[in-house]
Amino acid sequence: MSLKAGVKYRILVEFCNVRAPADGDEDETVMDSNPGVRLGGAEVIDPDVKMAQAVEIAKKADVVLAIVGLNADWETEGYDRKTLALPGRTDELIEKVLAVNPNTVVVTQSVSAVEMRFLAPIESASCLR
């Protein structure tokens, strides 16, 4: 939901936590799944502009440390991802950075396996020998 800066919004959060079945009816039990509410905000950015900025910075750097992966938005207990790909345009970012700076170290941080499509073009790299 997009909100405007400086505008007040009313938000209603309703929560029910029942640990035992109502009247012995197991179907009406609400699971105690450690629920919560998270509100946050992020600056609206143009991803193409940020991608171009990252590539320009990488061109000028002696070494690039690209730290990518998955956080709790992508990995959580009881949720299966439909793909092993890194989210969004992560692969594109790494490929573009590698193209302008071969002295790039990619660090993946995730609990589960991830595809690393960007490895194919650098098969002769010393890390793969």
C-alpha atoms as a PDB file:
ATOM      1  CA  MET A   1       0.000   0.000   0.000  1.00  0.00           C
ATOM      2  CA  SER A   2       1.504   3.326  -0.985  1.00  0.00           C
ATOM      3  CA  LEU A   3       1.283   6.082   1.599  1.00  0.00           C
ATOM      4  CA  LYS A   4       2.145   9.771   1.356  1.00  0.00           C
ATOM      5  CA  ALA A   5       4.663  11.483   3.602  1.00  0.00           C
ATOM      6  CA  GLY A   6       3.170  13.865   6.148  1.00  0.00           C
ATOM      7  CA  VAL A   7      -0.308  12.321   5.969  1.00  0.00           C
ATOM      8  CA  LYS A   8      -1.715  10.621   9.067  1.00  0.00           C
ATOM      9  CA  TYR A   9      -3.315   7.227   8.589  1.00  0.00           C
ATOM     10  CA  ARG A  10      -5.463   5.218  10.985  1.00  0.00           C
ATOM     11  CA  ILE A  11      -4.585   1.549  11.131  1.00  0.00           C
ATOM     12  CA  LEU A  12      -6.759  -1.014  12.887  1.00  0.00           C
ATOM     13  CA  VAL A  13      -5.163  -4.288  13.928  1.00  0.00           C
ATOM     14  CA  GLU A  14      -7.434  -7.030  15.245  1.00  0.00           C
ATOM     15  CA  PHE A  15      -5.873 -10.065  16.852  1.00  0.00           C
ATOM     16  CA  CYS A  16      -7.259 -13.226  18.373  1.00  0.00           C
ATOM     17  CA  ASN A  17      -5.198 -15.804  20.230  1.00  0.00           C
ATOM     18  CA  VAL A  18      -7.091 -18.909  21.277  1.00  0.00           C
ATOM     19  CA  ARG A  19      -5.000 -21.756  22.645  1.00  0.00           C
ATOM     20  CA  ALA A  20      -7.791 -24.260  23.239  1.00  0.00           C
ATOM     21  CA  PRO A  21     -10.690 -25.374  21.054  1.00  0.00           C
ATOM     22  CA  ALA A  22     -13.951 -23.508  21.516  1.00  0.00           C
ATOM     23  CA  ASP A  23     -16.492 -25.820  23.144  1.00  0.00           C
ATOM     24  CA  GLY A  24     -14.243 -28.795  22.328  1.00  0.00           C
ATOM     25  CA  ASP A  25     -14.521 -28.146  18.572  1.00  0.00           C
ATOM     26  CA  GLU A  26     -10.984 -28.833  17.254  1.00  0.00           C
ATOM     27  CA  ASP A  27     -11.793 -27.097  13.939  1.00  0.00           C
ATOM     28  CA  GLU A  28     -12.122 -23.745  15.688  1.00  0.00           C
ATOM     29  CA  THR A  29      -8.708 -23.805  17.326  1.00  0.00           C
ATOM     30  CA  VAL A  30      -6.564 -20.841  16.310  1.00  0.00           C
ATOM     31  CA  MET A  31      -2.960 -21.913  15.999  1.00  0.00           C
ATOM     32  CA  ASP A  32      -0.497 -20.183  18.296  1.00  0.00           C
ATOM     33  CA  SER A  33       1.965 -19.374  15.530  1.00  0.00           C
ATOM     34  CA  ASN A  34       3.798 -16.516  17.220  1.00  0.00           C
ATOM     35  CA  PRO A  35       1.987 -13.924  15.102  1.00  0.00           C
ATOM     36  CA  GLY A  36       2.869 -10.269  14.952  1.00  0.00           C
ATOM     37  CA  VAL A  37       2.520  -7.097  12.965  1.00  0.00           C
ATOM     38  CA  ARG A  38       5.352  -5.395  11.161  1.00  0.00           C
ATOM     39  CA  LEU A  39       4.994  -1.923   9.749  1.00  0.00           C
ATOM     40  CA  GLY A  40       7.786  -0.285   7.853  1.00  0.00           C
ATOM     41  CA  GLY A  41       8.637   2.053   5.116  1.00  0.00           C
ATOM     42  CA  ALA A  42      11.135   2.390   2.349  1.00  0.00           C
ATOM     43  CA  GLU A  43      12.305   5.177   0.118  1.00  0.00           C
ATOM     44  CA  VAL A  44      10.775   4.967  -3.350  1.00  0.00           C
ATOM     45  CA  ILE A  45      13.665   4.395  -5.728  1.00  0.00           C
ATOM     46  CA  ASP A  46      14.101   3.754  -9.429  1.00  0.00           C
ATOM     47  CA  PRO A  47      15.731   0.300  -9.616  1.00  0.00           C
ATOM     48  CA  ASP A  48      17.336   1.086 -12.992  1.00  0.00           C
ATOM     49  CA  VAL A  49      19.029   4.172 -11.538  1.00  0.00           C
ATOM     50  CA  LYS A  50      20.302   2.248  -8.499  1.00  0.00           C
ATOM     51  CA  MET A  51      21.549  -0.584 -10.737  1.00  0.00           C
ATOM     52  CA  ALA A  52      23.476   1.899 -12.874  1.00  0.00           C
ATOM     53  CA  GLN A  53      24.941   3.548  -9.762  1.00  0.00           C
ATOM     54  CA  ALA A  54      26.097   0.177  -8.397  1.00  0.00           C
ATOM     55  CA  VAL A  55      27.779  -0.671 -11.701  1.00  0.00           C
ATOM     56  CA  GLU A  56      29.566   2.706 -11.785  1.00  0.00           C
ATOM     57  CA  ILE A  57      30.827   2.214  -8.226  1.00  0.00           C
ATOM     58  CA  ALA A  58      31.998  -1.312  -9.108  1.00  0.00           C
ATOM     59  CA  LYS A  59      33.944   0.030 -12.122  1.00  0.00           C
ATOM     60  CA  LYS A  60      35.984   2.313  -9.879  1.00  0.00           C
ATOM     61  CA  ALA A  61      36.607  -0.192  -7.065  1.00  0.00           C
ATOM     62  CA  ASP A  62      39.750  -2.288  -6.637  1.00  0.00           C
ATOM     63  CA  VAL A  63      37.657  -5.162  -5.271  1.00  0.00           C
ATOM     64  CA  VAL A  64      33.906  -5.571  -4.969  1.00  0.00           C
ATOM     65  CA  LEU A  65      32.253  -7.490  -2.139  1.00  0.00           C
ATOM     66  CA  ALA A  66      28.738  -8.308  -3.311  1.00  0.00           C
ATOM     67  CA  ILE A  67      26.792  -9.678  -0.358  1.00  0.00           C
ATOM     68  CA  VAL A  68      23.477 -11.118  -1.484  1.00  0.00           C
ATOM     69  CA  GLY A  69      20.994 -13.683  -0.270  1.00  0.00           C
ATOM     70  CA  LEU A  70      17.702 -14.191   1.457  1.00  0.00           C
ATOM     71  CA  ASN A  71      16.232 -12.767   4.641  1.00  0.00           C
ATOM     72  CA  ALA A  72      13.200 -13.730   6.709  1.00  0.00           C
ATOM     73  CA  ASP A  73      10.921 -12.272   4.015  1.00  0.00           C
ATOM     74  CA  TRP A  74      12.059 -15.107   1.739  1.00  0.00           C
ATOM     75  CA  GLU A  75      12.950 -17.872   4.179  1.00  0.00           C
ATOM     76  CA  THR A  76      10.801 -18.905   7.072  1.00  0.00           C
ATOM     77  CA  GLU A  77       9.700 -22.075   8.779  1.00  0.00           C
ATOM     78  CA  GLY A  78       6.695 -23.663   7.095  1.00  0.00           C
ATOM     79  CA  TYR A  79       7.093 -21.794   3.794  1.00  0.00           C
ATOM     80  CA  ASP A  80       8.530 -23.329   0.625  1.00  0.00           C
ATOM     81  CA  ARG A  81       9.913 -21.073  -2.052  1.00  0.00           C
ATOM     82  CA  LYS A  82       8.845 -21.921  -5.594  1.00  0.00           C
ATOM     83  CA  THR A  83      12.351 -21.373  -6.982  1.00  0.00           C
ATOM     84  CA  LEU A  84      15.964 -21.472  -5.829  1.00  0.00           C
ATOM     85  CA  ALA A  85      16.721 -18.229  -7.669  1.00  0.00           C
ATOM     86  CA  LEU A  86      17.907 -15.202  -5.752  1.00  0.00           C
ATOM     87  CA  PRO A  87      15.125 -12.618  -5.430  1.00  0.00           C
ATOM     88  CA  GLY A  88      14.393  -9.767  -7.793  1.00  0.00           C
ATOM     89  CA  ARG A  89      17.199  -8.575 -10.007  1.00  0.00           C
ATOM     90  CA  THR A  90      20.014  -9.951  -7.835  1.00  0.00           C
ATOM     91  CA  ASP A  91      21.468 -12.142 -10.610  1.00  0.00           C
ATOM     92  CA  GLU A  92      21.368  -9.224 -13.040  1.00  0.00           C
ATOM     93  CA  LEU A  93      23.195  -7.011 -10.543  1.00  0.00           C
ATOM     94  CA  ILE A  94      25.955  -9.576 -10.002  1.00  0.00           C
ATOM     95  CA  GLU A  95      26.350 -10.210 -13.738  1.00  0.00           C
ATOM     96  CA  LYS A  96      26.674  -6.484 -14.458  1.00  0.00           C
ATOM     97  CA  VAL A  97      29.158  -5.970 -11.630  1.00  0.00           C
ATOM     98  CA  LEU A  98      31.249  -8.947 -12.799  1.00  0.00           C
ATOM     99  CA  ALA A  99      31.252  -7.540 -16.327  1.00  0.00           C
ATOM    100  CA  VAL A 100      32.900  -4.297 -15.177  1.00  0.00           C
ATOM    101  CA  ASN A 101      35.050  -5.666 -12.339  1.00  0.00           C
ATOM    102  CA  PRO A 102      36.342  -9.249 -12.403  1.00  0.00           C
ATOM    103  CA  ASN A 103      37.804  -8.697  -8.908  1.00  0.00           C
ATOM    104  CA  THR A 104      34.413  -9.381  -7.379  1.00  0.00           C
ATOM    105  CA  VAL A 105      33.750 -11.646  -4.422  1.00  0.00           C
ATOM    106  CA  VAL A 106      30.138 -12.794  -4.164  1.00  0.00           C
ATOM    107  CA  VAL A 107      28.989 -13.795  -0.689  1.00  0.00           C
ATOM    108  CA  THR A 108      25.629 -15.527  -0.463  1.00  0.00           C
ATOM    109  CA  GLN A 109      23.846 -15.485   2.853  1.00  0.00           C
ATOM    110  CA  SER A 110      20.851 -17.774   3.092  1.00  0.00           C
ATOM    111  CA  VAL A 111      19.556 -20.703   5.081  1.00  0.00           C
ATOM    112  CA  SER A 112      18.624 -22.767   2.042  1.00  0.00           C
ATOM    113  CA  ALA A 113      20.243 -23.517  -1.296  1.00  0.00           C
ATOM    114  CA  VAL A 114      20.263 -20.806  -3.950  1.00  0.00           C
ATOM    115  CA  GLU A 115      21.021 -20.869  -7.664  1.00  0.00           C
ATOM    116  CA  MET A 116      24.135 -19.005  -8.684  1.00  0.00           C
ATOM    117  CA  ARG A 117      23.514 -18.407 -12.379  1.00  0.00           C
ATOM    118  CA  PHE A 118      26.247 -15.796 -12.448  1.00  0.00           C
ATOM    119  CA  LEU A 119      28.925 -18.504 -12.022  1.00  0.00           C
ATOM    120  CA  ALA A 120      28.581 -19.816 -15.593  1.00  0.00           C
ATOM    121  CA  PRO A 121      30.462 -16.943 -17.290  1.00  0.00           C
ATOM    122  CA  ILE A 122      33.404 -17.192 -14.894  1.00  0.00           C
ATOM    123  CA  GLU A 123      34.149 -20.931 -15.054  1.00  0.00           C
ATOM    124  CA  SER A 124      37.871 -20.246 -15.404  1.00  0.00           C
ATOM    125  CA  ALA A 125      37.998 -18.176 -12.245  1.00  0.00           C
ATOM    126  CA  SER A 126      40.541 -19.336  -9.679  1.00  0.00           C
ATOM    127  CA  CYS A 127      37.828 -20.044  -7.109  1.00  0.00           C
ATOM    128  CA  LEU A 128      36.432 -22.788  -9.334  1.00  0.00           C
ATOM    129  CA  ARG A 129      39.711 -24.559 -10.195  1.00  0.00           C
END
